[in-house]
PDB file of N, CA and C in Angstrom:
ATOM      1  N   PHE A   1     105.457 -94.683 -42.337  1.00  0.00           N
ATOM      2  CA  PHE A   1     105.420 -95.961 -43.748  1.00  0.00           C
ATOM      3  C   PHE A   1     105.787 -96.096 -44.488  1.00  0.00           C
ATOM      4  N   CYS A   2     106.535 -96.663 -45.092  1.00  0.00           N
ATOM      5  CA  CYS A   2     106.330 -96.471 -46.419  1.00  0.00           C
ATOM      6  C   CYS A   2     107.089 -98.012 -47.526  1.00  0.00           C
ATOM      7  N   ALA A   3     106.483 -97.814 -48.405  1.00  0.00           N
ATOM      8  CA  ALA A   3     105.567 -98.786 -49.406  1.00  0.00           C
ATOM      9  C   ALA A   3     106.911 -99.646 -49.183  1.00  0.00           C
ATOM     10  N   PRO A   4     106.749-101.111 -49.919  1.00  0.00           N
ATOM     11  CA  PRO A   4     108.380-101.179 -50.495  1.00  0.00           C
ATOM     12  C   PRO A   4     107.683-101.594 -52.523  1.00  0.00           C
ATOM     13  N   PRO A   5     108.060-101.000 -52.767  1.00  0.00           N
ATOM     14  CA  PRO A   5     108.028-100.627 -54.797  1.00  0.00           C
ATOM     15  C   PRO A   5     106.846-102.897 -55.044  1.00  0.00           C
ATOM     16  N   GLY A   6     106.395-101.903 -55.447  1.00  0.00           N
ATOM     17  CA  GLY A   6     105.077-102.422 -55.673  1.00  0.00           C
ATOM     18  C   GLY A   6     104.029-102.995 -54.639  1.00  0.00           C
ATOM     19  N   TRP A   7     103.759-102.950 -53.987  1.00  0.00           N
ATOM     20  CA  TRP A   7     102.867-103.170 -52.935  1.00  0.00           C
ATOM     21  C   TRP A   7     102.870-101.687 -52.376  1.00  0.00           C
ATOM     22  N   THR A   8     101.473-101.808 -51.766  1.00  0.00           N
ATOM     23  CA  THR A   8     100.207-100.858 -51.084  1.00  0.00           C
ATOM     24  C   THR A   8     100.433-101.082 -49.567  1.00  0.00           C
ATOM     25  N   ILE A   9     100.363-100.296 -49.009  1.00  0.00           N
ATOM     26  CA  ILE A   9      99.599 -99.913 -47.004  1.00  0.00           C
ATOM     27  C   ILE A   9      98.853 -99.255 -47.168  1.00  0.00           C
ATOM     28  N   PHE A  10      97.454-100.194 -46.409  1.00  0.00           N
ATOM     29  CA  PHE A  10      96.294 -99.446 -45.786  1.00  0.00           C
ATOM     30  C   PHE A  10      96.009 -99.511 -45.130  1.00  0.00           C
ATOM     31  N   SER A  11      94.977 -98.706 -44.925  1.00  0.00           N
ATOM     32  CA  SER A  11      94.216 -99.179 -43.355  1.00  0.00           C
ATOM     33  C   SER A  11      92.922 -99.423 -43.350  1.00  0.00           C
ATOM     34  N   ILE A  12      92.658-100.307 -42.638  1.00  0.00           N
ATOM     35  CA  ILE A  12      90.451-100.463 -42.605  1.00  0.00           C
ATOM     36  C   ILE A  12      90.037-100.172 -40.871  1.00  0.00           C
ATOM     37  N   ASP A  13      89.589-100.291 -41.353  1.00  0.00           N
ATOM     38  CA  ASP A  13      89.380 -99.574 -39.330  1.00  0.00           C
ATOM     39  C   ASP A  13      87.405 -99.787 -40.060  1.00  0.00           C
ATOM     40  N   TYR A  14      86.833-100.770 -39.020  1.00  0.00           N
ATOM     41  CA  TYR A  14      85.438-100.965 -39.386  1.00  0.00           C
ATOM     42  C   TYR A  14      84.358-101.026 -37.778  1.00  0.00           C
ATOM     43  N   SER A  15      84.455 -99.920 -38.351  1.00  0.00           N
ATOM     44  CA  SER A  15      83.064 -99.517 -36.703  1.00  0.00           C
ATOM     45  C   SER A  15      82.356-100.379 -36.290  1.00  0.00           C
ATOM     46  N   ASN A  16      82.307-100.024 -35.295  1.00  0.00           N
ATOM     47  CA  ASN A  16      82.082-101.481 -33.594  1.00  0.00           C
ATOM     48  C   ASN A  16      81.980-102.483 -34.552  1.00  0.00           C
ATOM     49  N   ILE A  17      83.922-103.125 -35.124  1.00  0.00           N
ATOM     50  CA  ILE A  17      83.448-104.523 -35.129  1.00  0.00           C
ATOM     51  C   ILE A  17      82.767-105.953 -34.708  1.00  0.00           C
ATOM     52  N   GLU A  18      82.841-104.715 -32.827  1.00  0.00           N
ATOM     53  CA  GLU A  18      83.215-106.031 -32.186  1.00  0.00           C
ATOM     54  C   GLU A  18      81.518-106.176 -31.408  1.00  0.00           C
ATOM     55  N   MET A  19      81.179-105.180 -31.804  1.00  0.00           N
ATOM     56  CA  MET A  19      79.774-105.128 -30.795  1.00  0.00           C
ATOM     57  C   MET A  19      78.959-105.988 -32.670  1.00  0.00           C
ATOM     58  N   ARG A  20      78.750-105.608 -33.609  1.00  0.00           N
ATOM     59  CA  ARG A  20      78.523-106.546 -35.086  1.00  0.00           C
ATOM     60  C   ARG A  20      78.866-107.958 -35.418  1.00  0.00           C
ATOM     61  N   VAL A  21      80.360-108.388 -34.539  1.00  0.00           N
ATOM     62  CA  VAL A  21      80.541-109.669 -33.974  1.00  0.00           C
ATOM     63  C   VAL A  21      79.567-110.644 -32.813  1.00  0.00           C
ATOM     64  N   ALA A  22      79.856-109.519 -32.275  1.00  0.00           N
ATOM     65  CA  ALA A  22      78.715-109.973 -31.016  1.00  0.00           C
ATOM     66  C   ALA A  22      77.045-110.127 -31.193  1.00  0.00           C
ATOM     67  N   ALA A  23      75.995-109.250 -31.725  1.00  0.00           N
ATOM     68  CA  ALA A  23      75.351-109.280 -32.533  1.00  0.00           C
ATOM     69  C   ALA A  23      75.403-110.455 -33.300  1.00  0.00           C
ATOM     70  N   ASN A  24      76.453-111.080 -34.019  1.00  0.00           N
ATOM     71  CA  ASN A  24      76.151-111.430 -34.928  1.00  0.00           C
ATOM     72  C   ASN A  24      76.183-113.144 -33.914  1.00  0.00           C
ATOM     73  N   VAL A  25      77.065-113.256 -32.958  1.00  0.00           N
ATOM     74  CA  VAL A  25      77.077-114.812 -32.376  1.00  0.00           C
ATOM     75  C   VAL A  25      75.404-114.845 -31.810  1.00  0.00           C
ATOM     76  N   SER A  26      74.981-113.512 -31.232  1.00  0.00           N
ATOM     77  CA  SER A  26      74.396-113.791 -29.858  1.00  0.00           C
ATOM     78  C   SER A  26      72.839-113.828 -30.343  1.00  0.00           C
ATOM     79  N   LYS A  27      72.315-113.628 -31.732  1.00  0.00           N
ATOM     80  CA  LYS A  27      71.346-113.465 -32.166  1.00  0.00           C
ATOM     81  C   LYS A  27      70.268-113.115 -31.611  1.00  0.00           C
ATOM     82  N   GLU A  28      71.079-111.845 -30.498  1.00  0.00           N
ATOM     83  CA  GLU A  28      70.240-110.533 -29.917  1.00  0.00           C
ATOM     84  C   GLU A  28      69.574-110.086 -30.336  1.00  0.00           C
ATOM     85  N   PRO A  29      68.001-109.953 -30.491  1.00  0.00           N
ATOM     86  CA  PRO A  29      67.464-109.279 -31.729  1.00  0.00           C
ATOM     87  C   PRO A  29      67.907-107.698 -31.301  1.00  0.00           C
ATOM     88  N   ALA A  30      67.913-107.139 -30.413  1.00  0.00           N
ATOM     89  CA  ALA A  30      67.377-105.148 -30.304  1.00  0.00           C
ATOM     90  C   ALA A  30      69.092-105.369 -31.792  1.00  0.00           C
ATOM     91  N   PHE A  31      70.388-105.935 -30.971  1.00  0.00           N
ATOM     92  CA  PHE A  31      71.568-105.928 -31.299  1.00  0.00           C
ATOM     93  C   PHE A  31      71.859-105.838 -32.776  1.00  0.00           C
ATOM     94  N   ILE A  32      70.186-106.689 -33.780  1.00  0.00           N
ATOM     95  CA  ILE A  32      71.368-106.915 -34.562  1.00  0.00           C
ATOM     96  C   ILE A  32      70.001-105.636 -34.860  1.00  0.00           C
ATOM     97  N   LYS A  33      68.852-104.887 -34.890  1.00  0.00           N
ATOM     98  CA  LYS A  33      67.839-104.157 -35.346  1.00  0.00           C
ATOM     99  C   LYS A  33      68.750-103.251 -35.361  1.00  0.00           C
ATOM    100  N   GLU A  34      69.624-103.023 -35.041  1.00  0.00           N
ATOM    101  CA  GLU A  34      70.330-101.648 -34.474  1.00  0.00           C
ATOM    102  C   GLU A  34      71.414-102.100 -35.681  1.00  0.00           C
ATOM    103  N   PHE A  35      71.937-102.856 -35.295  1.00  0.00           N
ATOM    104  CA  PHE A  35      73.223-102.914 -36.330  1.00  0.00           C
ATOM    105  C   PHE A  35      72.342-102.506 -38.243  1.00  0.00           C
ATOM    106  N   LEU A  36      70.884-103.368 -38.596  1.00  0.00           N
ATOM    107  CA  LEU A  36      70.760-103.441 -39.551  1.00  0.00           C
ATOM    108  C   LEU A  36      69.922-101.935 -40.111  1.00  0.00           C
ATOM    109  N   GLU A  37      68.893-101.743 -38.825  1.00  0.00           N
ATOM    110  CA  GLU A  37      68.568-100.272 -38.867  1.00  0.00           C
ATOM    111  C   GLU A  37      68.641 -99.621 -37.768  1.00  0.00           C
ATOM    112  N   GLY A  38      69.596 -99.378 -37.271  1.00  0.00           N
ATOM    113  CA  GLY A  38      69.834 -97.741 -36.377  1.00  0.00           C
ATOM    114  C   GLY A  38      70.886 -97.964 -38.026  1.00  0.00           C
ATOM    115  N   SER A  39      71.327 -96.595 -36.520  1.00  0.00           N
ATOM    116  CA  SER A  39      72.244 -95.630 -36.355  1.00  0.00           C
ATOM    117  C   SER A  39      73.878 -96.674 -36.178  1.00  0.00           C
ATOM    118  N   GLY A  40      73.863 -97.623 -35.919  1.00  0.00           N
ATOM    119  CA  GLY A  40      75.010 -98.389 -35.054  1.00  0.00           C
ATOM    120  C   GLY A  40      75.879 -97.772 -34.003  1.00  0.00           C
ATOM    121  N   ASP A  41      74.469 -97.784 -32.982  1.00  0.00           N
ATOM    122  CA  ASP A  41      75.697 -96.794 -31.396  1.00  0.00           C
ATOM    123  C   ASP A  41      74.846 -98.372 -31.266  1.00  0.00           C
ATOM    124  N   PHE A  42      76.247 -99.038 -30.872  1.00  0.00           N
ATOM    125  CA  PHE A  42      75.516-100.569 -29.933  1.00  0.00           C
ATOM    126  C   PHE A  42      75.590 -99.460 -28.209  1.00  0.00           C
ATOM    127  N   HIS A  43      76.141 -98.908 -28.405  1.00  0.00           N
ATOM    128  CA  HIS A  43      76.405 -98.027 -26.279  1.00  0.00           C
ATOM    129  C   HIS A  43      75.195 -97.254 -26.512  1.00  0.00           C
ATOM    130  N   THR A  44      74.575 -96.458 -26.345  1.00  0.00           N
ATOM    131  CA  THR A  44      73.367 -96.145 -26.961  1.00  0.00           C
ATOM    132  C   THR A  44      72.512 -96.868 -26.975  1.00  0.00           C
ATOM    133  N   LEU A  45      72.461 -97.778 -27.155  1.00  0.00           N
ATOM    134  CA  LEU A  45      71.600 -98.691 -26.947  1.00  0.00           C
ATOM    135  C   LEU A  45      71.318 -99.957 -26.094  1.00  0.00           C
ATOM    136  N   THR A  46      72.686-100.020 -25.063  1.00  0.00           N
ATOM    137  CA  THR A  46      72.369-100.050 -24.681  1.00  0.00           C
ATOM    138  C   THR A  46      72.399 -99.350 -22.588  1.00  0.00           C
ATOM    139  N   ALA A  47      72.906 -97.630 -23.439  1.00  0.00           N
ATOM    140  CA  ALA A  47      72.383 -97.543 -21.821  1.00  0.00           C
ATOM    141  C   ALA A  47      71.357 -96.658 -22.157  1.00  0.00           C
ATOM    142  N   THR A  48      70.167 -96.837 -23.413  1.00  0.00           N
ATOM    143  CA  THR A  48      68.917 -96.378 -22.940  1.00  0.00           C
ATOM    144  C   THR A  48      67.920 -98.117 -21.949  1.00  0.00           C
ATOM    145  N   ALA A  49      68.595 -99.143 -22.130  1.00  0.00           N
ATOM    146  CA  ALA A  49      67.984 -99.755 -21.787  1.00  0.00           C
ATOM    147  C   ALA A  49      68.885-100.498 -20.762  1.00  0.00           C
ATOM    148  N   LEU A  50      68.938-100.032 -19.849  1.00  0.00           N
ATOM    149  CA  LEU A  50      69.674-100.012 -18.171  1.00  0.00           C
ATOM    150  C   LEU A  50      69.882 -98.590 -17.508  1.00  0.00           C
ATOM    151  N   PHE A  51      69.536 -97.260 -18.569  1.00  0.00           N
ATOM    152  CA  PHE A  51      69.550 -96.263 -16.904  1.00  0.00           C
ATOM    153  C   PHE A  51      68.590 -95.455 -17.781  1.00  0.00           C
ATOM    154  N   PRO A  52      67.235 -95.329 -16.983  1.00  0.00           N
ATOM    155  CA  PRO A  52      66.210 -94.795 -17.539  1.00  0.00           C
ATOM    156  C   PRO A  52      66.766 -93.211 -17.374  1.00  0.00           C
ATOM    157  N   GLU A  53      67.412 -92.840 -16.525  1.00  0.00           N
ATOM    158  CA  GLU A  53      67.988 -91.220 -16.881  1.00  0.00           C
ATOM    159  C   GLU A  53      68.500 -90.830 -18.164  1.00  0.00           C
ATOM    160  N   PHE A  54      68.507 -91.969 -18.745  1.00  0.00           N
ATOM    161  CA  PHE A  54      69.470 -91.673 -19.392  1.00  0.00           C
ATOM    162  C   PHE A  54      68.467 -91.263 -20.820  1.00  0.00           C
ATOM    163  N   SER A  55      67.769 -92.155 -21.015  1.00  0.00           N
ATOM    164  CA  SER A  55      66.215 -90.961 -22.137  1.00  0.00           C
ATOM    165  C   SER A  55      65.314 -89.970 -21.372  1.00  0.00           C
ATOM    166  N   ASP A  56      66.267 -89.769 -20.121  1.00  0.00           N
ATOM    167  CA  ASP A  56      64.681 -88.206 -20.383  1.00  0.00           C
ATOM    168  C   ASP A  56      65.130 -87.513 -20.442  1.00  0.00           C
ATOM    169  N   PRO A  57      64.841 -86.869 -21.472  1.00  0.00           N
ATOM    170  CA  PRO A  57      64.838 -86.039 -21.714  1.00  0.00           C
ATOM    171  C   PRO A  57      66.094 -84.417 -21.379  1.00  0.00           C
ATOM    172  N   THR A  58      64.939 -84.700 -19.938  1.00  0.00           N
ATOM    173  CA  THR A  58      65.415 -83.819 -18.637  1.00  0.00           C
ATOM    174  C   THR A  58      67.276 -84.317 -17.735  1.00  0.00           C
ATOM    175  N   THR A  59      67.870 -85.057 -18.471  1.00  0.00           N
ATOM    176  CA  THR A  59      68.787 -85.272 -18.237  1.00  0.00           C
ATOM    177  C   THR A  59      70.342 -84.325 -18.779  1.00  0.00           C
ATOM    178  N   PRO A  60      70.897 -83.628 -18.143  1.00  0.00           N
ATOM    179  CA  PRO A  60      72.062 -82.673 -18.890  1.00  0.00           C
ATOM    180  C   PRO A  60      72.748 -83.504 -20.035  1.00  0.00           C
ATOM    181  N   LYS A  61      72.972 -82.903 -20.253  1.00  0.00           N
ATOM    182  CA  LYS A  61      73.896 -83.766 -21.781  1.00  0.00           C
ATOM    183  C   LYS A  61      75.261 -84.851 -21.689  1.00  0.00           C
ATOM    184  N   ALA A  62      76.095 -83.777 -19.932  1.00  0.00           N
ATOM    185  CA  ALA A  62      76.924 -84.343 -19.806  1.00  0.00           C
ATOM    186  C   ALA A  62      76.637 -86.096 -19.067  1.00  0.00           C
ATOM    187  N   ARG A  63      76.151 -85.675 -18.252  1.00  0.00           N
ATOM    188  CA  ARG A  63      75.246 -87.042 -18.124  1.00  0.00           C
ATOM    189  C   ARG A  63      74.940 -87.640 -18.600  1.00  0.00           C
ATOM    190  N   THR A  64      73.744 -87.763 -19.671  1.00  0.00           N
ATOM    191  CA  THR A  64      74.329 -89.215 -20.927  1.00  0.00           C
ATOM    192  C   THR A  64      75.580 -89.332 -21.270  1.00  0.00           C
ATOM    193  N   LYS A  65      76.018 -88.511 -21.682  1.00  0.00           N
ATOM    194  CA  LYS A  65      77.189 -88.380 -21.806  1.00  0.00           C
ATOM    195  C   LYS A  65      77.722 -89.474 -21.199  1.00  0.00           C
ATOM    196  N   GLU A  66      78.209 -89.192 -19.646  1.00  0.00           N
ATOM    197  CA  GLU A  66      78.681 -90.656 -18.638  1.00  0.00           C
ATOM    198  C   GLU A  66      77.554 -91.681 -18.676  1.00  0.00           C
ATOM    199  N   LEU A  67      76.459 -91.651 -18.799  1.00  0.00           N
ATOM    200  CA  LEU A  67      75.470 -92.742 -18.988  1.00  0.00           C
ATOM    201  C   LEU A  67      76.575 -93.956 -20.064  1.00  0.00           C
ATOM    202  N   ARG A  68      76.407 -92.838 -21.486  1.00  0.00           N
ATOM    203  CA  ARG A  68      76.802 -93.895 -22.504  1.00  0.00           C
ATOM    204  C   ARG A  68      78.534 -94.304 -22.194  1.00  0.00           C
ATOM    205  N   SER A  69      79.515 -93.874 -21.436  1.00  0.00           N
ATOM    206  CA  SER A  69      80.836 -94.451 -21.321  1.00  0.00           C
ATOM    207  C   SER A  69      80.402 -95.505 -20.274  1.00  0.00           C
ATOM    208  N   LEU A  70      79.569 -95.401 -19.161  1.00  0.00           N
ATOM    209  CA  LEU A  70      79.199 -96.876 -18.577  1.00  0.00           C
ATOM    210  C   LEU A  70      78.182 -98.189 -18.841  1.00  0.00           C
ATOM    211  N   ALA A  71      78.278 -97.290 -20.932  1.00  0.00           N
ATOM    212  CA  ALA A  71      77.099 -98.618 -21.355  1.00  0.00           C
ATOM    213  C   ALA A  71      78.575 -99.106 -21.860  1.00  0.00           C
ATOM    214  N   LYS A  72      79.815 -98.378 -22.755  1.00  0.00           N
ATOM    215  CA  LYS A  72      80.186 -98.664 -23.570  1.00  0.00           C
ATOM    216  C   LYS A  72      81.609 -99.877 -22.214  1.00  0.00           C
ATOM    217  N   ILE A  73      81.913 -99.247 -21.369  1.00  0.00           N
ATOM    218  CA  ILE A  73      82.307-100.176 -20.633  1.00  0.00           C
ATOM    219  C   ILE A  73      81.717-102.022 -20.154  1.00  0.00           C
ATOM    220  N   ILE A  74      80.249-101.192 -20.670  1.00  0.00           N
ATOM    221  CA  ILE A  74      79.224-102.692 -20.172  1.00  0.00           C
ATOM    222  C   ILE A  74      79.680-103.519 -21.100  1.00  0.00           C
ATOM    223  N   ASN A  75      79.119-103.338 -22.132  1.00  0.00           N
ATOM    224  CA  ASN A  75      79.205-103.602 -23.711  1.00  0.00           C
ATOM    225  C   ASN A  75      80.803-104.631 -23.705  1.00  0.00           C
ATOM    226  N   PHE A  76      81.524-102.922 -23.863  1.00  0.00           N
ATOM    227  CA  PHE A  76      83.804-104.516 -23.898  1.00  0.00           C
ATOM    228  C   PHE A  76      83.440-105.706 -22.418  1.00  0.00           C
ATOM    229  N   ALA A  77      83.081-104.641 -21.148  1.00  0.00           N
ATOM    230  CA  ALA A  77      83.696-106.251 -20.354  1.00  0.00           C
ATOM    231  C   ALA A  77      82.741-107.220 -20.971  1.00  0.00           C
ATOM    232  N   LEU A  78      81.705-107.501 -21.229  1.00  0.00           N
ATOM    233  CA  LEU A  78      81.126-108.950 -21.546  1.00  0.00           C
ATOM    234  C   LEU A  78      81.696-109.119 -22.242  1.00  0.00           C
ATOM    235  N   LEU A  79      82.404-108.440 -23.503  1.00  0.00           N
ATOM    236  CA  LEU A  79      83.383-109.139 -24.578  1.00  0.00           C
ATOM    237  C   LEU A  79      84.117-110.056 -24.433  1.00  0.00           C
ATOM    238  N   TYR A  80      85.148-109.210 -23.382  1.00  0.00           N
ATOM    239  CA  TYR A  80      85.683-110.007 -23.106  1.00  0.00           C
ATOM    240  C   TYR A  80      86.481-109.854 -21.662  1.00  0.00           C
ATOM    241  N   GLY A  81      85.128-110.778 -21.365  1.00  0.00           N
ATOM    242  CA  GLY A  81      85.609-111.049 -20.380  1.00  0.00           C
ATOM    243  C   GLY A  81      85.380-110.637 -18.390  1.00  0.00           C
ATOM    244  N   GLY A  82      85.173-109.963 -19.051  1.00  0.00           N
ATOM    245  CA  GLY A  82      85.512-108.558 -17.631  1.00  0.00           C
ATOM    246  C   GLY A  82      84.365-109.251 -16.693  1.00  0.00           C
ATOM    247  N   THR A  83      85.169-109.178 -14.867  1.00  0.00           N
ATOM    248  CA  THR A  83      84.266-109.381 -13.928  1.00  0.00           C
ATOM    249  C   THR A  83      83.335-108.402 -12.977  1.00  0.00           C
ATOM    250  N   ALA A  84      83.332-109.044 -11.759  1.00  0.00           N
ATOM    251  CA  ALA A  84      81.744-108.313 -11.666  1.00  0.00           C
ATOM    252  C   ALA A  84      83.065-106.772 -10.524  1.00  0.00           C
ATOM    253  N   TYR A  85      84.433-107.187 -10.934  1.00  0.00           N
ATOM    254  CA  TYR A  85      84.949-105.898 -10.440  1.00  0.00           C
ATOM    255  C   TYR A  85      84.753-104.321 -11.436  1.00  0.00           C
ATOM    256  N   THR A  86      85.289-106.073 -12.986  1.00  0.00           N
ATOM    257  CA  THR A  86      84.770-104.323 -13.639  1.00  0.00           C
ATOM    258  C   THR A  86      83.394-103.351 -14.480  1.00  0.00           C
TER     259      THR A  86
END
């Protein structure tokens, strides 16, 4: 891309913006705390709440990665109107 003379092109990627907006709109205490005090990893927060196996230190790393991915799907499905099928 080339900006026209006198113009500047820039890109902004605000990490987890959807989840941050959801925390603000929903007033969900755990999400707000994660946003203000935690690492901002809302998908790990959801995985921890939904899947006891996720926090088990004996769970293989590949499995915890799968569970976090499922939590990510759940988070975005809820935000974007996913159905029960989703």
